[in-house]
Amino acid sequence: MDTSDLVTVICIAYNHEAWIEETLESVKAQDYYAKKLIIVDNGSTDGTAEKIKNWVEKSSGLLSVETIYHTEMQPYCRLFNQVLANVDSHYLVDLSGDDVLYPDHLYASILELRMAPYAAFVFSDAYILDQRGEVKTFYKRDNGGDLIEEIELSNLYETLIHKNLICSPTVVFNTAILRKEGGYDESLFYEDFDIQIRLARNHPVVFSDHIGVLKRKHAKSMSSRQYQIYHSKMLPSTVKVCSKIQGMNIYPEENKALKKRVLYELKHALWSANFEPARELVGIGENLGMKGIRFWFYKIWATKSWDISWLYLQLT
């Protein structure tokens, strides 16, 4: 198989028993022929590993599949990098065990990357399925299915600093560029904010106007625990990324965007009573020369550690 066409889908699953078979089927159903699948069970404590074994034995068909099973949960970014080190394909997908690829996703995405060989990755639209069973697109679309707002790529690095523009499950990477940039930062709890920022700083990125993924939002998903009260595992990583961004920034507009991000994350850190990350965010804000009554109030709140997380839970 020609590796210039090949795409590897790395599916890392953890307690995804309810969804893993549908996820794996969606990879097999892709209308892109040059694909391989690496399935990693990251120490699941439910029936995920058994579901994977059964699917590989009975349903994987002619799809090239490799499986890895861990008895204990490994840090996600480190585990991904271990798999990445042995990937020989030109393109790469990081697929969660609870998301679903639509049949044309790989073909449409890779078509864009072929036309932009220096792009670090391509991203697209997704359907978001919430816990109530309601579905909506990640980007707003009109009744005819067209995007209401154009996806602006000319200043993507600055945009990503202050705004979550990309639905990470839709991303298809250029493997060589991802590897050149060091893969995921293993000091972080989660990867998407950091890797998108780092790649957009140094490389072009492209958008494919198709709906490629169904992303589930549920109580066990990582995004739902981003601002968990008292002990968020994600906020300390967000603080690290903000600090890294400050070191990467070149232009005043980029620091202005970072100030917006700091205020946003600081608000949620305080409301969720994650006071140590909040104080670190205050420190970044002070280094950026942030002023204004809102930041001044947040500084006092962080110093006094006023706990109103009970209200935050009711509001979210």
C-alpha atoms as a PDB file:
ATOM      1  CA  MET A   1       0.000   0.000   0.000  1.00  0.00           C
ATOM      2  CA  ASP A   2       1.351   3.430  -0.997  1.00  0.00           C
ATOM      3  CA  THR A   3       1.995   5.364   2.235  1.00  0.00           C
ATOM      4  CA  SER A   4       1.492   8.663   0.371  1.00  0.00           C
ATOM      5  CA  ASP A   5      -2.228   7.802   0.237  1.00  0.00           C
ATOM      6  CA  LEU A   6      -2.504   5.911   3.506  1.00  0.00           C
ATOM      7  CA  VAL A   7      -4.381   7.256   6.534  1.00  0.00           C
ATOM      8  CA  THR A   8      -4.098   5.728   9.989  1.00  0.00           C
ATOM      9  CA  VAL A   9      -6.983   6.064  12.415  1.00  0.00           C
ATOM     10  CA  ILE A  10      -5.825   5.808  16.028  1.00  0.00           C
ATOM     11  CA  CYS A  11      -8.839   4.991  18.182  1.00  0.00           C
ATOM     12  CA  ILE A  12      -8.112   5.264  21.894  1.00  0.00           C
ATOM     13  CA  ALA A  13     -11.002   3.975  24.002  1.00  0.00           C
ATOM     14  CA  TYR A  14     -11.641   4.188  27.717  1.00  0.00           C
ATOM     15  CA  ASN A  15     -14.917   2.885  29.163  1.00  0.00           C
ATOM     16  CA  HIS A  16     -16.658   3.330  25.819  1.00  0.00           C
ATOM     17  CA  GLU A  17     -18.546   0.042  25.969  1.00  0.00           C
ATOM     18  CA  ALA A  18     -21.816   1.635  24.856  1.00  0.00           C
ATOM     19  CA  TRP A  19     -20.378   3.197  21.699  1.00  0.00           C
ATOM     20  CA  ILE A  20     -17.144   1.483  20.644  1.00  0.00           C
ATOM     21  CA  GLU A  21     -18.667  -0.926  18.117  1.00  0.00           C
ATOM     22  CA  GLU A  22     -20.430   1.908  16.266  1.00  0.00           C
ATOM     23  CA  THR A  23     -17.185   3.891  16.283  1.00  0.00           C
ATOM     24  CA  LEU A  24     -15.174   1.015  14.795  1.00  0.00           C
ATOM     25  CA  GLU A  25     -17.871   0.271  12.215  1.00  0.00           C
ATOM     26  CA  SER A  26     -17.711   3.905  11.097  1.00  0.00           C
ATOM     27  CA  VAL A  27     -14.008   3.507  10.294  1.00  0.00           C
ATOM     28  CA  LYS A  28     -14.622   0.331   8.299  1.00  0.00           C
ATOM     29  CA  ALA A  29     -17.456   2.063   6.409  1.00  0.00           C
ATOM     30  CA  GLN A  30     -15.250   4.896   5.120  1.00  0.00           C
ATOM     31  CA  ASP A  31     -15.324   5.228   1.340  1.00  0.00           C
ATOM     32  CA  TYR A  32     -11.582   5.903   1.374  1.00  0.00           C
ATOM     33  CA  TYR A  33      -9.741   2.685   0.543  1.00  0.00           C
ATOM     34  CA  ALA A  34      -6.182   3.346   1.833  1.00  0.00           C
ATOM     35  CA  LYS A  35      -6.778   3.142   5.559  1.00  0.00           C
ATOM     36  CA  LYS A  36      -5.641   1.251   8.616  1.00  0.00           C
ATOM     37  CA  LEU A  37      -6.966   1.217  12.156  1.00  0.00           C
ATOM     38  CA  ILE A  38      -5.057   1.054  15.427  1.00  0.00           C
ATOM     39  CA  ILE A  39      -7.347   0.393  18.403  1.00  0.00           C
ATOM     40  CA  VAL A  40      -6.052   1.076  21.915  1.00  0.00           C
ATOM     41  CA  ASP A  41      -8.013   0.110  25.001  1.00  0.00           C
ATOM     42  CA  ASN A  42      -6.653   2.417  27.697  1.00  0.00           C
ATOM     43  CA  GLY A  43      -7.284   0.233  30.742  1.00  0.00           C
ATOM     44  CA  SER A  44     -11.087   0.257  30.552  1.00  0.00           C
ATOM     45  CA  THR A  45     -12.912  -1.083  33.608  1.00  0.00           C
ATOM     46  CA  ASP A  46     -16.122  -1.915  31.742  1.00  0.00           C
ATOM     47  CA  GLY A  47     -16.656  -4.242  28.785  1.00  0.00           C
ATOM     48  CA  THR A  48     -14.896  -2.084  26.194  1.00  0.00           C
ATOM     49  CA  ALA A  49     -11.904  -4.407  25.688  1.00  0.00           C
ATOM     50  CA  GLU A  50     -14.150  -7.434  25.154  1.00  0.00           C
ATOM     51  CA  LYS A  51     -16.308  -5.514  22.674  1.00  0.00           C
ATOM     52  CA  ILE A  52     -13.157  -4.565  20.746  1.00  0.00           C
ATOM     53  CA  LYS A  53     -11.919  -8.166  20.632  1.00  0.00           C
ATOM     54  CA  ASN A  54     -15.279  -9.441  19.425  1.00  0.00           C
ATOM     55  CA  TRP A  55     -15.548  -6.769  16.750  1.00  0.00           C
ATOM     56  CA  VAL A  56     -12.042  -7.431  15.418  1.00  0.00           C
ATOM     57  CA  GLU A  57     -12.689 -11.177  15.270  1.00  0.00           C
ATOM     58  CA  LYS A  58     -16.143 -11.065  13.733  1.00  0.00           C
ATOM     59  CA  SER A  59     -16.717  -7.722  12.006  1.00  0.00           C
ATOM     60  CA  SER A  60     -13.473  -6.031  10.914  1.00  0.00           C
ATOM     61  CA  GLY A  61     -13.511  -7.758   7.508  1.00  0.00           C
ATOM     62  CA  LEU A  62     -10.619  -6.810   5.220  1.00  0.00           C
ATOM     63  CA  LEU A  63      -9.732  -3.662   7.190  1.00  0.00           C
ATOM     64  CA  SER A  64      -6.122  -3.621   8.406  1.00  0.00           C
ATOM     65  CA  VAL A  65      -6.428  -3.568  12.208  1.00  0.00           C
ATOM     66  CA  GLU A  66      -3.887  -3.518  15.035  1.00  0.00           C
ATOM     67  CA  THR A  67      -4.956  -3.756  18.677  1.00  0.00           C
ATOM     68  CA  ILE A  68      -3.223  -2.682  21.889  1.00  0.00           C
ATOM     69  CA  TYR A  69      -4.627  -3.434  25.349  1.00  0.00           C
ATOM     70  CA  HIS A  70      -3.514  -1.775  28.579  1.00  0.00           C
ATOM     71  CA  THR A  71      -4.397  -3.116  32.006  1.00  0.00           C
ATOM     72  CA  GLU A  72      -4.128   0.337  33.587  1.00  0.00           C
ATOM     73  CA  MET A  73      -5.084   3.756  32.275  1.00  0.00           C
ATOM     74  CA  GLN A  74      -2.167   5.669  30.701  1.00  0.00           C
ATOM     75  CA  PRO A  75      -1.847   9.464  30.297  1.00  0.00           C
ATOM     76  CA  TYR A  76      -3.571  10.222  27.006  1.00  0.00           C
ATOM     77  CA  CYS A  77      -0.945  12.421  25.362  1.00  0.00           C
ATOM     78  CA  ARG A  78       1.909  10.043  26.189  1.00  0.00           C
ATOM     79  CA  LEU A  79      -0.079   7.043  24.978  1.00  0.00           C
ATOM     80  CA  PHE A  80      -0.937   8.763  21.707  1.00  0.00           C
ATOM     81  CA  ASN A  81       2.712   9.682  21.101  1.00  0.00           C
ATOM     82  CA  GLN A  82       3.792   6.081  21.673  1.00  0.00           C
ATOM     83  CA  VAL A  83       1.433   4.972  18.915  1.00  0.00           C
ATOM     84  CA  LEU A  84       2.370   7.931  16.693  1.00  0.00           C
ATOM     85  CA  ALA A  85       6.042   6.889  16.809  1.00  0.00           C
ATOM     86  CA  ASN A  86       5.227   3.756  14.795  1.00  0.00           C
ATOM     87  CA  VAL A  87       2.758   5.249  12.312  1.00  0.00           C
ATOM     88  CA  ASP A  88       3.973   5.070   8.694  1.00  0.00           C
ATOM     89  CA  SER A  89       1.030   6.722   6.933  1.00  0.00           C
ATOM     90  CA  HIS A  90       0.914  10.180   5.360  1.00  0.00           C
ATOM     91  CA  TYR A  91      -2.293  11.133   7.170  1.00  0.00           C
ATOM     92  CA  LEU A  92      -3.534  10.536  10.702  1.00  0.00           C
ATOM     93  CA  VAL A  93      -6.775  10.720  12.687  1.00  0.00           C
ATOM     94  CA  ASP A  94      -7.107  10.758  16.485  1.00  0.00           C
ATOM     95  CA  LEU A  95     -10.521   9.183  17.080  1.00  0.00           C
ATOM     96  CA  SER A  96     -12.206   8.825  20.451  1.00  0.00           C
ATOM     97  CA  GLY A  97     -14.026   5.573  21.180  1.00  0.00           C
ATOM     98  CA  ASP A  98     -17.368   7.374  21.512  1.00  0.00           C
ATOM     99  CA  ASP A  99     -17.365   9.417  18.296  1.00  0.00           C
ATOM    100  CA  VAL A 100     -18.490   8.372  14.814  1.00  0.00           C
ATOM    101  CA  LEU A 101     -17.050   9.169  11.370  1.00  0.00           C
ATOM    102  CA  TYR A 102     -19.474   9.683   8.495  1.00  0.00           C
ATOM    103  CA  PRO A 103     -18.616   7.600   5.382  1.00  0.00           C
ATOM    104  CA  ASP A 104     -17.153  10.407   3.258  1.00  0.00           C
ATOM    105  CA  HIS A 105     -15.113  12.073   6.017  1.00  0.00           C
ATOM    106  CA  LEU A 106     -11.674  10.699   5.192  1.00  0.00           C
ATOM    107  CA  TYR A 107     -12.093  11.097   1.443  1.00  0.00           C
ATOM    108  CA  ALA A 108     -13.302  14.708   1.648  1.00  0.00           C
ATOM    109  CA  SER A 109     -10.661  15.682   4.223  1.00  0.00           C
ATOM    110  CA  ILE A 110      -7.717  14.103   2.439  1.00  0.00           C
ATOM    111  CA  LEU A 111      -8.801  15.637  -0.862  1.00  0.00           C
ATOM    112  CA  GLU A 112      -8.270  19.058   0.762  1.00  0.00           C
ATOM    113  CA  LEU A 113      -4.885  18.025   2.194  1.00  0.00           C
ATOM    114  CA  ARG A 114      -3.696  16.779  -1.197  1.00  0.00           C
ATOM    115  CA  MET A 115      -4.388  20.226  -2.609  1.00  0.00           C
ATOM    116  CA  ALA A 116      -2.511  21.823   0.318  1.00  0.00           C
ATOM    117  CA  PRO A 117       0.544  19.594   0.904  1.00  0.00           C
ATOM    118  CA  TYR A 118       2.120  22.036   3.380  1.00  0.00           C
ATOM    119  CA  ALA A 119      -0.967  22.199   5.606  1.00  0.00           C
ATOM    120  CA  ALA A 120      -0.582  20.719   9.091  1.00  0.00           C
ATOM    121  CA  PHE A 121      -4.189  19.536   9.221  1.00  0.00           C
ATOM    122  CA  VAL A 122      -7.659  19.875   7.800  1.00  0.00           C
ATOM    123  CA  PHE A 123     -10.822  20.296   9.877  1.00  0.00           C
ATOM    124  CA  SER A 124     -14.509  20.206   9.057  1.00  0.00           C
ATOM    125  CA  ASP A 125     -17.966  20.478  10.601  1.00  0.00           C
ATOM    126  CA  ALA A 126     -19.598  17.991  12.967  1.00  0.00           C
ATOM    127  CA  TYR A 127     -22.926  17.068  14.432  1.00  0.00           C
ATOM    128  CA  ILE A 128     -22.941  17.470  18.224  1.00  0.00           C
ATOM    129  CA  LEU A 129     -25.187  15.016  20.067  1.00  0.00           C
ATOM    130  CA  ASP A 130     -25.942  16.090  23.633  1.00  0.00           C
ATOM    131  CA  GLN A 131     -27.219  14.116  26.624  1.00  0.00           C
ATOM    132  CA  ARG A 132     -30.842  15.017  25.835  1.00  0.00           C
ATOM    133  CA  GLY A 133     -30.567  13.473  22.380  1.00  0.00           C
ATOM    134  CA  GLU A 134     -30.599  16.850  20.628  1.00  0.00           C
ATOM    135  CA  VAL A 135     -28.358  17.273  17.595  1.00  0.00           C
ATOM    136  CA  LYS A 136     -26.915  20.447  16.119  1.00  0.00           C
ATOM    137  CA  THR A 137     -24.016  21.316  13.856  1.00  0.00           C
ATOM    138  CA  PHE A 138     -20.818  22.704  15.364  1.00  0.00           C
ATOM    139  CA  TYR A 139     -20.974  25.666  12.959  1.00  0.00           C
ATOM    140  CA  LYS A 140     -24.241  27.506  12.403  1.00  0.00           C
ATOM    141  CA  ARG A 141     -25.885  26.693   9.081  1.00  0.00           C
ATOM    142  CA  ASP A 142     -28.981  28.016   7.331  1.00  0.00           C
ATOM    143  CA  ASN A 143     -31.999  25.959   6.307  1.00  0.00           C
ATOM    144  CA  GLY A 144     -30.264  25.040   3.066  1.00  0.00           C
ATOM    145  CA  GLY A 145     -27.287  23.622   4.921  1.00  0.00           C
ATOM    146  CA  ASP A 146     -24.893  26.428   3.997  1.00  0.00           C
ATOM    147  CA  LEU A 147     -22.543  27.999   6.543  1.00  0.00           C
ATOM    148  CA  ILE A 148     -23.922  31.239   7.955  1.00  0.00           C
ATOM    149  CA  GLU A 149     -20.423  32.613   8.534  1.00  0.00           C
ATOM    150  CA  GLU A 150     -17.344  31.909   6.442  1.00  0.00           C
ATOM    151  CA  ILE A 151     -14.540  30.049   8.243  1.00  0.00           C
ATOM    152  CA  GLU A 152     -11.708  32.578   8.260  1.00  0.00           C
ATOM    153  CA  LEU A 153      -8.260  30.973   8.071  1.00  0.00           C
ATOM    154  CA  SER A 154      -6.010  33.946   7.324  1.00  0.00           C
ATOM    155  CA  ASN A 155      -5.380  34.717  10.998  1.00  0.00           C
ATOM    156  CA  LEU A 156      -6.163  31.330  12.514  1.00  0.00           C
ATOM    157  CA  TYR A 157      -3.471  31.359  15.202  1.00  0.00           C
ATOM    158  CA  GLU A 158      -4.828  34.557  16.743  1.00  0.00           C
ATOM    159  CA  THR A 159      -8.419  33.323  16.450  1.00  0.00           C
ATOM    160  CA  LEU A 160      -7.656  30.025  18.199  1.00  0.00           C
ATOM    161  CA  ILE A 161      -6.079  31.840  21.125  1.00  0.00           C
ATOM    162  CA  HIS A 162      -9.356  33.423  22.222  1.00  0.00           C
ATOM    163  CA  LYS A 163     -11.980  31.250  20.508  1.00  0.00           C
ATOM    164  CA  ASN A 164     -12.621  27.514  20.188  1.00  0.00           C
ATOM    165  CA  LEU A 165     -13.074  27.517  16.427  1.00  0.00           C
ATOM    166  CA  ILE A 166     -12.244  23.878  15.615  1.00  0.00           C
ATOM    167  CA  CYS A 167     -14.159  20.731  16.526  1.00  0.00           C
ATOM    168  CA  SER A 168     -11.154  18.539  17.295  1.00  0.00           C
ATOM    169  CA  PRO A 169     -12.642  15.116  16.331  1.00  0.00           C
ATOM    170  CA  THR A 170     -12.912  16.349  12.715  1.00  0.00           C
ATOM    171  CA  VAL A 171      -9.163  16.963  12.372  1.00  0.00           C
ATOM    172  CA  VAL A 172      -7.067  14.933   9.927  1.00  0.00           C
ATOM    173  CA  PHE A 173      -3.340  15.532  10.432  1.00  0.00           C
ATOM    174  CA  ASN A 174      -0.378  15.556   8.093  1.00  0.00           C
ATOM    175  CA  THR A 175       1.592  12.937  10.035  1.00  0.00           C
ATOM    176  CA  ALA A 176       5.065  14.233   9.162  1.00  0.00           C
ATOM    177  CA  ILE A 177       4.252  17.760  10.339  1.00  0.00           C
ATOM    178  CA  LEU A 178       2.624  16.502  13.522  1.00  0.00           C
ATOM    179  CA  ARG A 179       5.704  14.395  14.269  1.00  0.00           C
ATOM    180  CA  LYS A 180       8.063  17.259  13.382  1.00  0.00           C
ATOM    181  CA  GLU A 181       6.304  19.482  15.935  1.00  0.00           C
ATOM    182  CA  GLY A 182       6.788  16.834  18.635  1.00  0.00           C
ATOM    183  CA  GLY A 183       3.291  15.332  18.667  1.00  0.00           C
ATOM    184  CA  TYR A 184       1.201  16.005  21.753  1.00  0.00           C
ATOM    185  CA  ASP A 185       2.681  17.732  24.790  1.00  0.00           C
ATOM    186  CA  GLU A 186       2.959  14.906  27.322  1.00  0.00           C
ATOM    187  CA  SER A 187       2.914  17.309  30.273  1.00  0.00           C
ATOM    188  CA  LEU A 188      -0.720  18.160  29.492  1.00  0.00           C
ATOM    189  CA  PHE A 189      -3.901  16.357  30.507  1.00  0.00           C
ATOM    190  CA  TYR A 190      -5.588  17.085  27.171  1.00  0.00           C
ATOM    191  CA  GLU A 191      -4.227  17.857  23.738  1.00  0.00           C
ATOM    192  CA  ASP A 192      -6.470  19.740  21.313  1.00  0.00           C
ATOM    193  CA  PHE A 193      -6.073  23.370  22.430  1.00  0.00           C
ATOM    194  CA  ASP A 194      -2.284  23.085  22.546  1.00  0.00           C
ATOM    195  CA  ILE A 195      -1.684  21.128  19.337  1.00  0.00           C
ATOM    196  CA  GLN A 196      -3.977  23.331  17.258  1.00  0.00           C
ATOM    197  CA  ILE A 197      -2.244  26.456  18.540  1.00  0.00           C
ATOM    198  CA  ARG A 198       1.271  25.108  17.951  1.00  0.00           C
ATOM    199  CA  LEU A 199       0.520  23.853  14.454  1.00  0.00           C
ATOM    200  CA  ALA A 200      -1.342  27.021  13.429  1.00  0.00           C
ATOM    201  CA  ARG A 201       1.593  29.147  14.613  1.00  0.00           C
ATOM    202  CA  ASN A 202       4.018  27.513  12.161  1.00  0.00           C
ATOM    203  CA  HIS A 203       1.951  25.979   9.349  1.00  0.00           C
ATOM    204  CA  PRO A 204      -1.069  26.623   7.136  1.00  0.00           C
ATOM    205  CA  VAL A 205      -4.340  24.875   7.977  1.00  0.00           C
ATOM    206  CA  VAL A 206      -7.291  24.112   5.665  1.00  0.00           C
ATOM    207  CA  PHE A 207     -11.045  23.678   6.101  1.00  0.00           C
ATOM    208  CA  SER A 208     -13.322  21.205   4.342  1.00  0.00           C
ATOM    209  CA  ASP A 209     -16.977  22.248   4.173  1.00  0.00           C
ATOM    210  CA  HIS A 210     -18.561  18.912   5.028  1.00  0.00           C
ATOM    211  CA  ILE A 211     -20.061  17.363   8.158  1.00  0.00           C
ATOM    212  CA  GLY A 212     -17.642  14.569   8.923  1.00  0.00           C
ATOM    213  CA  VAL A 213     -18.179  13.449  12.507  1.00  0.00           C
ATOM    214  CA  LEU A 214     -20.829  12.797  15.118  1.00  0.00           C
ATOM    215  CA  LYS A 215     -19.416  13.979  18.445  1.00  0.00           C
ATOM    216  CA  ARG A 216     -21.126  12.870  21.623  1.00  0.00           C
ATOM    217  CA  LYS A 217     -21.330  15.106  24.690  1.00  0.00           C
ATOM    218  CA  HIS A 218     -22.113  13.063  27.778  1.00  0.00           C
ATOM    219  CA  ALA A 219     -21.294  13.013  31.476  1.00  0.00           C
ATOM    220  CA  LYS A 220     -18.173  10.894  30.950  1.00  0.00           C
ATOM    221  CA  SER A 221     -16.754  12.927  28.066  1.00  0.00           C
ATOM    222  CA  MET A 222     -13.646  14.964  28.742  1.00  0.00           C
ATOM    223  CA  SER A 223     -15.190  18.240  27.621  1.00  0.00           C
ATOM    224  CA  SER A 224     -18.012  17.929  30.159  1.00  0.00           C
ATOM    225  CA  ARG A 225     -15.439  17.854  32.983  1.00  0.00           C
ATOM    226  CA  GLN A 226     -13.428  20.849  31.831  1.00  0.00           C
ATOM    227  CA  TYR A 227     -14.517  23.044  34.743  1.00  0.00           C
ATOM    228  CA  GLN A 228     -15.187  20.378  37.364  1.00  0.00           C
ATOM    229  CA  ILE A 229     -15.487  22.113  40.727  1.00  0.00           C
ATOM    230  CA  TYR A 230     -12.474  22.176  43.040  1.00  0.00           C
ATOM    231  CA  HIS A 231     -10.325  19.660  41.175  1.00  0.00           C
ATOM    232  CA  SER A 232     -10.467  20.225  37.410  1.00  0.00           C
ATOM    233  CA  LYS A 233      -7.806  18.120  35.708  1.00  0.00           C
ATOM    234  CA  MET A 234      -8.055  20.225  32.564  1.00  0.00           C
ATOM    235  CA  LEU A 235      -7.638  23.755  33.913  1.00  0.00           C
ATOM    236  CA  PRO A 236      -3.970  23.339  34.989  1.00  0.00           C
ATOM    237  CA  SER A 237      -3.192  22.246  31.419  1.00  0.00           C
ATOM    238  CA  THR A 238      -5.100  25.232  30.051  1.00  0.00           C
ATOM    239  CA  VAL A 239      -2.942  27.489  32.227  1.00  0.00           C
ATOM    240  CA  LYS A 240       0.218  25.854  30.827  1.00  0.00           C
ATOM    241  CA  VAL A 241      -0.985  26.382  27.271  1.00  0.00           C
ATOM    242  CA  CYS A 242      -1.769  30.049  27.970  1.00  0.00           C
ATOM    243  CA  SER A 243       1.750  30.468  29.330  1.00  0.00           C
ATOM    244  CA  LYS A 244       3.177  28.788  26.214  1.00  0.00           C
ATOM    245  CA  ILE A 245       1.106  31.080  23.993  1.00  0.00           C
ATOM    246  CA  GLN A 246       2.567  34.128  25.712  1.00  0.00           C
ATOM    247  CA  GLY A 247       6.015  32.865  24.740  1.00  0.00           C
ATOM    248  CA  MET A 248       4.950  32.233  21.121  1.00  0.00           C
ATOM    249  CA  ASN A 249       3.165  35.535  20.590  1.00  0.00           C
ATOM    250  CA  ILE A 250       4.806  38.100  18.339  1.00  0.00           C
ATOM    251  CA  TYR A 251       2.237  40.805  17.659  1.00  0.00           C
ATOM    252  CA  PRO A 252       0.162  43.010  20.016  1.00  0.00           C
ATOM    253  CA  GLU A 253      -3.060  41.627  18.525  1.00  0.00           C
ATOM    254  CA  GLU A 254      -2.029  38.141  19.643  1.00  0.00           C
ATOM    255  CA  ASN A 255      -1.501  39.318  23.214  1.00  0.00           C
ATOM    256  CA  LYS A 256      -4.885  41.025  23.055  1.00  0.00           C
ATOM    257  CA  ALA A 257      -6.431  37.702  22.055  1.00  0.00           C
ATOM    258  CA  LEU A 258      -4.625  35.992  24.935  1.00  0.00           C
ATOM    259  CA  LYS A 259      -6.034  38.534  27.366  1.00  0.00           C
ATOM    260  CA  LYS A 260      -9.531  37.541  26.233  1.00  0.00           C
ATOM    261  CA  ARG A 261      -8.690  33.879  26.781  1.00  0.00           C
ATOM    262  CA  VAL A 262      -7.246  34.563  30.237  1.00  0.00           C
ATOM    263  CA  LEU A 263     -10.393  36.430  31.292  1.00  0.00           C
ATOM    264  CA  TYR A 264     -12.606  33.628  30.019  1.00  0.00           C
ATOM    265  CA  GLU A 265     -10.667  30.830  31.716  1.00  0.00           C
ATOM    266  CA  LEU A 266     -10.211  32.892  34.872  1.00  0.00           C
ATOM    267  CA  LYS A 267     -13.951  33.418  35.162  1.00  0.00           C
ATOM    268  CA  HIS A 268     -14.647  29.683  34.964  1.00  0.00           C
ATOM    269  CA  ALA A 269     -11.764  28.799  37.284  1.00  0.00           C
ATOM    270  CA  LEU A 270     -13.143  31.142  39.938  1.00  0.00           C
ATOM    271  CA  TRP A 271     -16.759  30.114  39.577  1.00  0.00           C
ATOM    272  CA  SER A 272     -15.745  26.428  39.834  1.00  0.00           C
ATOM    273  CA  ALA A 273     -13.505  27.148  42.874  1.00  0.00           C
ATOM    274  CA  ASN A 274     -10.304  26.031  41.128  1.00  0.00           C
ATOM    275  CA  PHE A 275      -8.318  28.724  42.904  1.00  0.00           C
ATOM    276  CA  GLU A 276      -4.762  27.577  42.240  1.00  0.00           C
ATOM    277  CA  PRO A 277      -5.193  27.669  38.430  1.00  0.00           C
ATOM    278  CA  ALA A 278      -7.065  30.960  38.896  1.00  0.00           C
ATOM    279  CA  ARG A 279      -4.093  32.533  40.689  1.00  0.00           C
ATOM    280  CA  GLU A 280      -1.761  31.308  37.948  1.00  0.00           C
ATOM    281  CA  LEU A 281      -4.019  32.868  35.325  1.00  0.00           C
ATOM    282  CA  VAL A 282      -3.925  36.127  37.286  1.00  0.00           C
ATOM    283  CA  GLY A 283      -0.129  35.944  37.106  1.00  0.00           C
ATOM    284  CA  ILE A 284      -0.239  35.535  33.319  1.00  0.00           C
ATOM    285  CA  GLY A 285      -2.656  38.469  33.118  1.00  0.00           C
ATOM    286  CA  GLU A 286      -0.328  40.654  35.157  1.00  0.00           C
ATOM    287  CA  ASN A 287       2.584  39.719  32.885  1.00  0.00           C
ATOM    288  CA  LEU A 288       0.443  40.793  29.946  1.00  0.00           C
ATOM    289  CA  GLY A 289      -0.267  44.130  31.649  1.00  0.00           C
ATOM    290  CA  MET A 290      -3.993  43.452  32.011  1.00  0.00           C
ATOM    291  CA  LYS A 291      -6.024  46.172  33.707  1.00  0.00           C
ATOM    292  CA  GLY A 292      -9.682  47.039  34.116  1.00  0.00           C
ATOM    293  CA  ILE A 293     -12.287  46.560  36.814  1.00  0.00           C
ATOM    294  CA  ARG A 294     -13.162  43.020  35.744  1.00  0.00           C
ATOM    295  CA  PHE A 295      -9.585  41.765  36.028  1.00  0.00           C
ATOM    296  CA  TRP A 296      -9.128  43.705  39.288  1.00  0.00           C
ATOM    297  CA  PHE A 297     -12.214  42.015  40.735  1.00  0.00           C
ATOM    298  CA  TYR A 298     -11.027  38.582  39.592  1.00  0.00           C
ATOM    299  CA  LYS A 299      -7.656  39.203  41.290  1.00  0.00           C
ATOM    300  CA  ILE A 300      -9.392  39.902  44.598  1.00  0.00           C
ATOM    301  CA  TRP A 301     -11.659  36.873  44.156  1.00  0.00           C
ATOM    302  CA  ALA A 302      -8.650  34.627  43.532  1.00  0.00           C
ATOM    303  CA  THR A 303      -6.851  36.036  46.574  1.00  0.00           C
ATOM    304  CA  LYS A 304      -9.853  35.682  48.876  1.00  0.00           C
ATOM    305  CA  SER A 305     -10.902  32.265  47.481  1.00  0.00           C
ATOM    306  CA  TRP A 306     -14.609  33.044  47.664  1.00  0.00           C
ATOM    307  CA  ASP A 307     -16.358  29.728  47.039  1.00  0.00           C
ATOM    308  CA  ILE A 308     -19.683  30.031  45.182  1.00  0.00           C
ATOM    309  CA  SER A 309     -19.251  26.794  43.233  1.00  0.00           C
ATOM    310  CA  TRP A 310     -22.686  25.638  44.467  1.00  0.00           C
ATOM    311  CA  LEU A 311     -24.204  28.386  42.333  1.00  0.00           C
ATOM    312  CA  TYR A 312     -21.976  27.491  39.377  1.00  0.00           C
ATOM    313  CA  LEU A 313     -23.340  23.942  39.472  1.00  0.00           C
ATOM    314  CA  GLN A 314     -26.898  25.250  39.336  1.00  0.00           C
ATOM    315  CA  LEU A 315     -26.150  27.577  36.446  1.00  0.00           C
ATOM    316  CA  THR A 316     -24.313  24.954  34.368  1.00  0.00           C
END
